[in-house]
Amino acid sequence: MISKVAVGAAAALMAGVANVNAQVTATGTMGPTNPPEPTLGTPINQTSYARLLSLNAIDDFCLFAPPVPNSVIGETEAEEVAWCVQPRNNARVIPDGVLTAVHFVKTPLYWQIQGFGDFTHLNIQSGDEGGELDPHGATGLGNPVGGNVTTNATGSDVSYEEWMNYMAADQFCLRICISENSTYSAANECQHTLDEMGCSWVMPGDYTADSFTECDGDSAYPPGWYILGNGSTSTFQQRYTGTFTGADGSLGTWTQGETVTPQSAYSTPASSNCKTYTSVGNGIASLALSNAGSVNSTASATNSSSGGSSAAATRSSSSGSSAGSGSGSAVAGSTAAASSSGESSSSTSAAMSSFNGISYGTAMAVVALVAGAGSFLL
């Protein structure tokens, strides 16, 4: 059964799970289909099975998506392959015109990118509300199996242990956890057990349609964490019911999580030093969608500070949202176009220092603790 417990400060909660915190950098080997290291300028191969994802800039990132057309994310999680904006990592290349909105934010604890597009061109079935890819999976070998991720947040390419990538037919979001502190671990910031909650709930940020921005930002509270009025922390757990066989052979059920779900993340972190782009692409005409048109590389710095959404949309369109199917949901010539600005500004603000108010659902979630096991399901 599940028991509910009151929790004090966030630091106390972290102290209770410190012994299960994952490390920040990955020490394992590259997956068998991957190159030995992230490499820019590899040959274009639209049938590749490489699974090395990199996130370096608004026009230099990769996503995981299916290898064959008309696939459902929840049914192919272990099989996804890397698709990159630029030719890199021996991966497949995302054609110009697929991405319709991209927002990249660099924070002290993670780098995150999210947006919208037509990912039927990345073999996701039309209408698929998607699912979550992460380094864990049902077997512990990752979804996809052999998937690895890197960023150059430190100035050189580094492989990281904790990440999450939600993909749907029209929306995506990706977070790679690059650091941790005594209160917020990489495993908590890249929480992988909320796969049915969707991008904006798990990875709050700018989800403006039809716009392209790159910003610095404060780090969000870990997904599912809510700070109460008395300073204590409440942690939401996704509801799940399973079965077990008793000692007498009888079949029983167990349930974890809550029936009432908060409507949104606790808050959306502030962003600053934002630069706005007209589009993102690679300029490879042979791959571009017929309606993509020419992609230019004009960028303008807004140098604005805001709490949450920092870029004004140049056009308007509806953006889908998500609720999970199967494993979860997300709902989203060769010159580099819309390349990131030559200077990379790093955020100097402390994690969790500035937010755009508090957003609670109809009821506050509570921490669920497995009775007898003594471990938080985070």
Protein backbone atom coordinates (compact mmCIF):
# COMPACT_ATOMS: atom_id res chain seq x y z
CA MET A 1 0.00 0.00 0.00
CA ILE A 2 0.95 3.63 -0.22
CA SER A 3 1.26 5.92 2.76
CA LYS A 4 1.37 9.71 2.67
CA VAL A 5 3.98 11.50 4.71
CA ALA A 6 4.55 15.13 5.54
CA VAL A 7 7.89 16.48 4.38
CA GLY A 8 9.80 19.45 5.73
CA ALA A 9 12.14 21.62 3.72
CA ALA A 10 13.38 20.60 0.32
CA ALA A 11 16.81 20.04 1.81
CA ALA A 12 15.36 17.47 4.19
CA LEU A 13 13.71 15.64 1.32
CA MET A 14 16.99 15.56 -0.59
CA ALA A 15 18.82 14.25 2.46
CA GLY A 16 16.39 11.35 2.48
CA VAL A 17 17.22 10.28 -1.04
CA ALA A 18 20.83 11.37 -1.34
CA ASN A 19 22.04 7.78 -1.42
CA VAL A 20 20.20 7.12 -4.69
CA ASN A 21 21.22 10.27 -6.54
CA ALA A 22 22.66 9.59 -9.96
CA GLN A 23 25.96 11.08 -10.98
CA VAL A 24 26.04 14.04 -13.35
CA THR A 25 28.44 12.89 -16.05
CA ALA A 26 28.08 9.53 -17.75
CA THR A 27 30.86 6.97 -17.39
CA GLY A 28 29.47 4.17 -19.54
CA THR A 29 30.44 3.42 -23.10
CA MET A 30 28.78 4.76 -26.22
CA GLY A 31 25.96 2.67 -27.64
CA PRO A 32 27.00 0.12 -30.29
CA THR A 33 25.50 2.15 -33.16
CA ASN A 34 27.10 5.44 -32.09
CA PRO A 35 30.34 7.11 -33.14
CA PRO A 36 33.04 7.12 -30.44
CA GLU A 37 32.49 10.84 -29.82
CA PRO A 38 30.16 13.63 -30.98
CA THR A 39 31.29 14.87 -34.36
CA LEU A 40 29.99 17.72 -36.51
CA GLY A 41 30.00 17.36 -40.29
CA THR A 42 29.49 13.61 -40.64
CA PRO A 43 27.99 12.26 -43.90
CA ILE A 44 24.23 12.53 -44.31
CA ASN A 45 22.63 9.13 -43.76
CA GLN A 46 18.83 9.11 -43.54
CA THR A 47 18.81 5.38 -42.73
CA SER A 48 21.30 5.64 -39.85
CA TYR A 49 20.72 3.85 -36.56
CA ALA A 50 23.10 6.06 -34.57
CA ARG A 51 21.70 7.07 -31.18
CA LEU A 52 23.99 9.88 -30.05
CA LEU A 53 22.12 13.09 -29.28
CA SER A 54 23.86 16.46 -28.82
CA LEU A 55 22.49 19.79 -27.58
CA ASN A 56 24.86 22.69 -28.22
CA ALA A 57 22.90 25.60 -29.73
CA ILE A 58 19.51 26.55 -31.13
CA ASP A 59 20.65 25.31 -34.54
CA ASP A 60 22.85 22.45 -33.31
CA PHE A 61 20.76 19.89 -31.47
CA CYS A 62 19.32 16.42 -31.96
CA LEU A 63 16.13 14.60 -31.00
CA PHE A 64 15.19 10.95 -30.74
CA ALA A 65 12.51 9.72 -33.16
CA PRO A 66 11.53 6.44 -34.83
CA PRO A 67 13.62 4.77 -37.54
CA VAL A 68 10.63 3.74 -39.71
CA PRO A 69 7.60 5.74 -40.92
CA ASN A 70 4.20 5.89 -39.21
CA SER A 71 5.53 4.77 -35.82
CA VAL A 72 3.97 5.34 -32.41
CA ILE A 73 6.45 6.57 -29.80
CA GLY A 74 4.99 4.42 -27.02
CA GLU A 75 5.50 1.29 -29.11
CA THR A 76 9.02 2.07 -30.38
CA GLU A 77 10.76 3.73 -27.42
CA ALA A 78 13.65 1.28 -27.33
CA GLU A 79 14.26 1.62 -31.08
CA GLU A 80 14.39 5.39 -31.65
CA VAL A 81 17.34 6.93 -33.46
CA ALA A 82 19.00 10.34 -33.43
CA TRP A 83 17.83 13.09 -35.79
CA CYS A 84 19.99 16.25 -35.79
CA VAL A 85 19.54 19.75 -37.21
CA GLN A 86 23.10 19.67 -38.53
CA PRO A 87 24.88 16.69 -40.10
CA ARG A 88 26.57 15.25 -37.02
CA ASN A 89 27.14 12.11 -34.98
CA ASN A 90 26.49 9.86 -38.04
CA ALA A 91 22.81 10.57 -37.35
CA ARG A 92 19.87 11.35 -39.60
CA VAL A 93 19.32 15.02 -40.46
CA ILE A 94 16.14 16.96 -39.64
CA PRO A 95 14.98 18.53 -42.93
CA ASP A 96 14.50 22.29 -43.07
CA GLY A 97 10.83 23.13 -42.63
CA VAL A 98 10.12 20.46 -40.01
CA LEU A 99 10.73 22.77 -37.04
CA THR A 100 8.17 25.57 -36.66
CA ALA A 101 9.19 26.85 -33.21
CA VAL A 102 12.33 26.32 -31.13
CA HIS A 103 13.21 27.75 -27.71
CA PHE A 104 16.62 27.00 -26.18
CA VAL A 105 17.47 27.94 -22.59
CA LYS A 106 20.74 27.50 -20.71
CA THR A 107 20.46 27.27 -16.92
CA PRO A 108 22.95 26.43 -14.16
CA LEU A 109 21.51 22.93 -13.67
CA TYR A 110 20.36 21.93 -17.15
CA TRP A 111 20.19 22.89 -20.81
CA GLN A 112 16.71 22.63 -22.30
CA ILE A 113 15.19 23.01 -25.74
CA GLN A 114 11.52 22.75 -26.71
CA GLY A 115 9.17 23.65 -29.51
CA PHE A 116 6.85 22.52 -32.25
CA GLY A 117 7.05 21.00 -35.71
CA ASP A 118 5.71 18.41 -38.10
CA PHE A 119 7.40 15.29 -36.82
CA THR A 120 5.59 12.98 -39.17
CA HIS A 121 8.69 13.78 -41.25
CA LEU A 122 10.67 12.14 -38.45
CA ASN A 123 8.50 9.01 -38.79
CA ILE A 124 6.08 9.75 -35.91
CA GLN A 125 2.51 8.75 -36.70
CA SER A 126 0.16 11.68 -37.30
CA GLY A 127 -1.84 12.45 -34.16
CA ASP A 128 0.48 10.52 -31.84
CA GLU A 129 0.49 12.30 -28.48
CA GLY A 130 3.85 10.75 -27.88
CA GLY A 131 5.95 9.56 -25.00
CA GLU A 132 9.15 10.02 -23.05
CA LEU A 133 12.65 8.87 -23.96
CA ASP A 134 15.19 8.67 -21.12
CA PRO A 135 18.32 6.77 -20.07
CA HIS A 136 16.40 4.27 -17.94
CA GLY A 137 13.53 2.41 -19.62
CA ALA A 138 11.86 -0.81 -18.56
CA THR A 139 15.09 -2.80 -18.76
CA GLY A 140 17.44 -0.14 -17.42
CA LEU A 141 19.25 -0.02 -20.77
CA GLY A 142 17.60 3.22 -21.84
CA ASN A 143 14.93 4.32 -24.27
CA PRO A 144 16.31 4.08 -26.83
CA VAL A 145 18.65 1.24 -25.95
CA GLY A 146 22.20 2.51 -26.44
CA GLY A 147 21.12 6.15 -26.48
CA ASN A 148 23.67 8.71 -25.30
CA VAL A 149 23.57 12.50 -24.93
CA THR A 150 26.18 15.27 -24.88
CA THR A 151 26.41 19.04 -24.58
CA ASN A 152 29.29 21.49 -24.78
CA ALA A 153 28.04 23.47 -21.77
CA THR A 154 31.51 23.37 -20.23
CA GLY A 155 33.21 24.45 -23.44
CA SER A 156 33.92 20.91 -24.60
CA ASP A 157 31.75 17.89 -25.37
CA VAL A 158 30.67 16.00 -22.25
CA SER A 159 28.39 12.96 -21.92
CA TYR A 160 25.71 13.31 -19.25
CA GLU A 161 23.95 10.68 -17.17
CA GLU A 162 20.47 12.17 -16.77
CA TRP A 163 18.23 13.52 -19.52
CA MET A 164 14.66 13.34 -20.82
CA ASN A 165 13.23 13.84 -24.31
CA TYR A 166 9.46 13.98 -24.90
CA MET A 167 8.37 13.53 -28.51
CA ALA A 168 4.94 13.76 -30.16
CA ALA A 169 3.72 14.25 -33.72
CA ASP A 170 3.73 18.03 -33.28
CA GLN A 171 5.77 18.88 -30.17
CA PHE A 172 9.12 18.14 -28.55
CA CYS A 173 11.09 18.99 -25.44
CA LEU A 174 14.54 17.91 -24.30
CA ARG A 175 16.40 18.53 -21.05
CA ILE A 176 19.96 17.44 -20.30
CA CYS A 177 21.00 17.84 -16.67
CA ILE A 178 24.53 19.24 -16.59
CA SER A 179 25.03 19.91 -12.88
CA GLU A 180 23.59 19.44 -9.41
CA ASN A 181 23.93 20.95 -5.97
CA SER A 182 23.37 19.84 -2.39
CA THR A 183 19.61 20.35 -2.72
CA TYR A 184 18.72 19.56 -6.33
CA SER A 185 20.26 16.47 -7.92
CA ALA A 186 20.60 15.76 -11.61
CA ALA A 187 18.27 12.80 -11.15
CA ASN A 188 15.59 15.05 -9.64
CA GLU A 189 15.90 17.78 -12.28
CA CYS A 190 15.64 15.13 -15.00
CA GLN A 191 12.88 13.17 -13.27
CA HIS A 192 11.85 10.31 -15.56
CA THR A 193 8.71 8.88 -13.92
CA LEU A 194 6.22 11.55 -15.03
CA ASP A 195 5.90 10.38 -18.61
CA GLU A 196 2.19 11.11 -18.95
CA MET A 197 2.34 14.73 -17.80
CA GLY A 198 3.58 16.38 -21.00
CA CYS A 199 6.25 18.90 -21.94
CA SER A 200 5.03 22.13 -20.35
CA TRP A 201 4.25 20.35 -17.04
CA VAL A 202 7.58 18.54 -16.75
CA MET A 203 9.81 21.07 -18.53
CA PRO A 204 8.26 24.53 -18.02
CA GLY A 205 9.54 27.28 -20.27
CA ASP A 206 8.70 29.26 -23.38
CA TYR A 207 6.26 27.36 -25.60
CA THR A 208 5.40 30.24 -27.92
CA ALA A 209 4.42 28.94 -31.36
CA ASP A 210 6.09 30.17 -34.55
CA SER A 211 9.10 31.77 -32.88
CA PHE A 212 12.73 30.93 -32.25
CA THR A 213 14.68 32.10 -29.19
CA GLU A 214 17.85 31.35 -27.28
CA CYS A 215 18.10 32.57 -23.66
CA ASP A 216 19.84 32.22 -20.35
CA GLY A 217 17.55 31.21 -17.52
CA ASP A 218 17.09 30.24 -13.91
CA SER A 219 16.63 26.57 -13.15
CA ALA A 220 13.14 25.27 -12.44
CA TYR A 221 12.21 23.28 -9.38
CA PRO A 222 12.45 19.54 -10.12
CA PRO A 223 9.38 18.22 -11.96
CA GLY A 224 6.54 17.48 -9.57
CA TRP A 225 7.94 19.50 -6.68
CA TYR A 226 5.61 22.07 -5.07
CA ILE A 227 6.61 24.46 -2.29
CA LEU A 228 3.87 24.91 0.30
CA GLY A 229 3.06 28.03 2.28
CA ASN A 230 4.83 26.73 5.38
CA GLY A 231 8.04 26.13 3.44
CA SER A 232 7.66 22.37 3.20
CA THR A 233 7.83 20.51 -0.10
CA SER A 234 5.09 18.38 -1.62
CA THR A 235 5.99 15.97 -4.41
CA PHE A 236 3.51 14.75 -7.00
CA GLN A 237 3.62 11.12 -8.05
CA GLN A 238 2.00 9.94 -11.26
CA ARG A 239 -0.81 7.48 -10.52
CA TYR A 240 -0.19 3.86 -11.41
CA THR A 241 -1.87 0.58 -10.46
CA GLY A 242 -0.09 -2.77 -10.66
CA THR A 243 -0.74 -6.35 -9.62
CA PHE A 244 1.03 -8.82 -7.36
CA THR A 245 0.64 -12.46 -6.34
CA GLY A 246 0.26 -13.09 -2.63
CA ALA A 247 1.84 -15.91 -0.63
CA ASP A 248 -1.39 -17.88 -0.93
CA GLY A 249 -1.41 -17.49 -4.70
CA SER A 250 -4.14 -14.86 -4.74
CA LEU A 251 -3.86 -11.89 -7.08
CA GLY A 252 -3.84 -8.44 -5.52
CA THR A 253 -3.37 -4.88 -6.71
CA TRP A 254 -1.31 -1.95 -5.50
CA THR A 255 -1.58 1.72 -6.39
CA GLN A 256 0.82 4.62 -6.11
CA GLY A 257 0.24 8.28 -6.80
CA GLU A 258 -2.70 10.63 -6.49
CA THR A 259 -6.09 10.91 -8.18
CA VAL A 260 -5.91 14.72 -8.36
CA THR A 261 -3.22 16.18 -10.61
CA PRO A 262 -1.85 19.74 -10.36
CA GLN A 263 -2.70 21.60 -13.55
CA SER A 264 0.82 22.86 -14.21
CA ALA A 265 4.36 23.06 -12.92
CA TYR A 266 4.94 24.99 -9.69
CA SER A 267 6.32 27.95 -11.65
CA THR A 268 8.06 28.97 -14.85
CA PRO A 269 11.65 30.18 -14.35
CA ALA A 270 12.74 33.64 -15.44
CA SER A 271 14.85 34.03 -18.58
CA SER A 272 17.21 36.77 -19.77
CA ASN A 273 19.74 37.70 -22.46
CA CYS A 274 17.34 36.41 -25.10
CA LYS A 275 18.12 36.43 -28.80
CA THR A 276 15.39 36.01 -31.40
CA TYR A 277 15.79 34.22 -34.72
CA THR A 278 13.60 34.06 -37.79
CA SER A 279 14.06 30.32 -38.27
CA VAL A 280 16.29 27.34 -37.56
CA GLY A 281 17.73 24.99 -40.16
CA ASN A 282 20.77 23.70 -42.01
CA GLY A 283 20.28 25.03 -45.56
CA ILE A 284 20.57 21.57 -47.13
CA ALA A 285 18.28 22.00 -50.13
CA SER A 286 18.17 18.32 -51.04
CA LEU A 287 16.50 17.49 -47.71
CA ALA A 288 14.27 20.54 -47.26
CA LEU A 289 10.52 20.14 -47.33
CA SER A 290 8.92 21.57 -50.46
CA ASN A 291 7.22 24.35 -48.51
CA ALA A 292 10.18 25.23 -46.34
CA GLY A 293 11.38 28.08 -48.54
CA SER A 294 14.72 29.68 -47.90
CA VAL A 295 16.07 29.78 -44.38
CA ASN A 296 17.94 32.89 -43.37
CA SER A 297 20.29 33.47 -40.49
CA THR A 298 19.15 36.83 -39.18
CA ALA A 299 19.15 37.05 -35.41
CA SER A 300 18.29 39.95 -33.16
CA ALA A 301 19.09 40.20 -29.48
CA THR A 302 16.20 41.27 -27.31
CA ASN A 303 18.32 41.52 -24.15
CA SER A 304 15.17 41.31 -22.11
CA SER A 305 14.53 39.76 -18.76
CA SER A 306 11.23 38.07 -18.18
CA GLY A 307 9.58 35.50 -16.01
CA GLY A 308 8.82 32.65 -18.36
CA SER A 309 8.03 33.35 -22.00
CA SER A 310 10.61 35.75 -23.35
CA ALA A 311 10.06 35.87 -27.08
CA ALA A 312 7.26 37.52 -28.97
CA ALA A 313 5.72 35.33 -31.64
CA THR A 314 6.04 36.64 -35.16
CA ARG A 315 2.98 34.68 -36.20
CA SER A 316 0.26 32.88 -34.32
CA SER A 317 -0.99 29.34 -34.38
CA SER A 318 -2.48 26.88 -31.98
CA SER A 319 -0.16 24.60 -30.09
CA GLY A 320 -1.08 21.10 -29.08
CA SER A 321 -0.82 19.78 -25.58
CA SER A 322 -0.51 16.33 -24.26
CA ALA A 323 -1.86 13.51 -22.28
CA GLY A 324 -0.17 10.22 -22.43
CA SER A 325 -0.64 7.26 -24.64
CA GLY A 326 1.11 4.09 -23.64
CA SER A 327 4.34 5.32 -22.12
CA GLY A 328 3.41 8.97 -21.88
CA SER A 329 3.08 12.10 -23.91
CA ALA A 330 4.85 15.17 -25.19
CA VAL A 331 2.16 17.38 -26.22
CA ALA A 332 4.64 19.71 -30.54
CA GLY A 333 23.70 23.94 -50.24
CA SER A 334 25.03 23.31 -46.74
CA THR A 335 25.37 26.47 -44.72
CA ALA A 336 23.96 26.56 -41.24
CA ALA A 337 20.96 28.83 -41.03
CA ALA A 338 19.83 30.76 -37.99
CA SER A 339 23.07 29.90 -36.27
CA SER A 340 23.34 30.80 -32.64
CA SER A 341 24.96 34.07 -31.73
CA GLY A 342 28.73 34.06 -31.63
CA GLU A 343 28.77 34.71 -27.91
CA SER A 344 27.45 32.22 -25.45
CA SER A 345 26.20 33.94 -22.32
CA SER A 346 25.99 31.91 -19.17
CA SER A 347 23.43 32.52 -16.45
CA THR A 348 24.83 33.92 -13.25
CA SER A 349 21.59 33.77 -11.33
CA ALA A 350 21.20 31.24 -8.57
CA ALA A 351 18.98 28.27 -9.22
CA MET A 352 15.36 28.80 -8.28
CA SER A 353 15.96 32.52 -7.67
CA SER A 354 13.27 34.12 -9.80
CA PHE A 355 9.86 32.90 -10.91
CA ASN A 356 6.76 34.24 -12.57
CA GLY A 357 4.40 33.54 -9.70
CA ILE A 358 2.98 30.30 -8.42
CA SER A 359 0.70 28.07 -10.42
CA TYR A 360 -1.18 25.46 -8.44
CA GLY A 361 -3.77 23.00 -9.67
CA THR A 362 -7.07 22.33 -8.00
CA ALA A 363 -5.34 20.47 -5.20
CA MET A 364 -1.80 20.07 -3.99
CA ALA A 365 -0.03 16.80 -4.56
CA VAL A 366 1.57 14.93 -1.70
CA VAL A 367 4.68 12.87 -1.38
CA ALA A 368 3.99 9.20 -1.81
CA LEU A 369 6.20 6.78 0.09
CA VAL A 370 6.16 3.04 -0.43
CA ALA A 371 5.33 1.58 2.94
CA GLY A 372 8.03 -0.75 4.17
CA ALA A 373 10.41 0.07 1.34
CA GLY A 374 11.54 3.38 2.79
CA SER A 375 12.47 4.95 -0.54
CA PHE A 376 10.90 7.85 -2.36
CA LEU A 377 9.64 7.12 -5.86
CA LEU A 378 11.35 10.02 -7.59
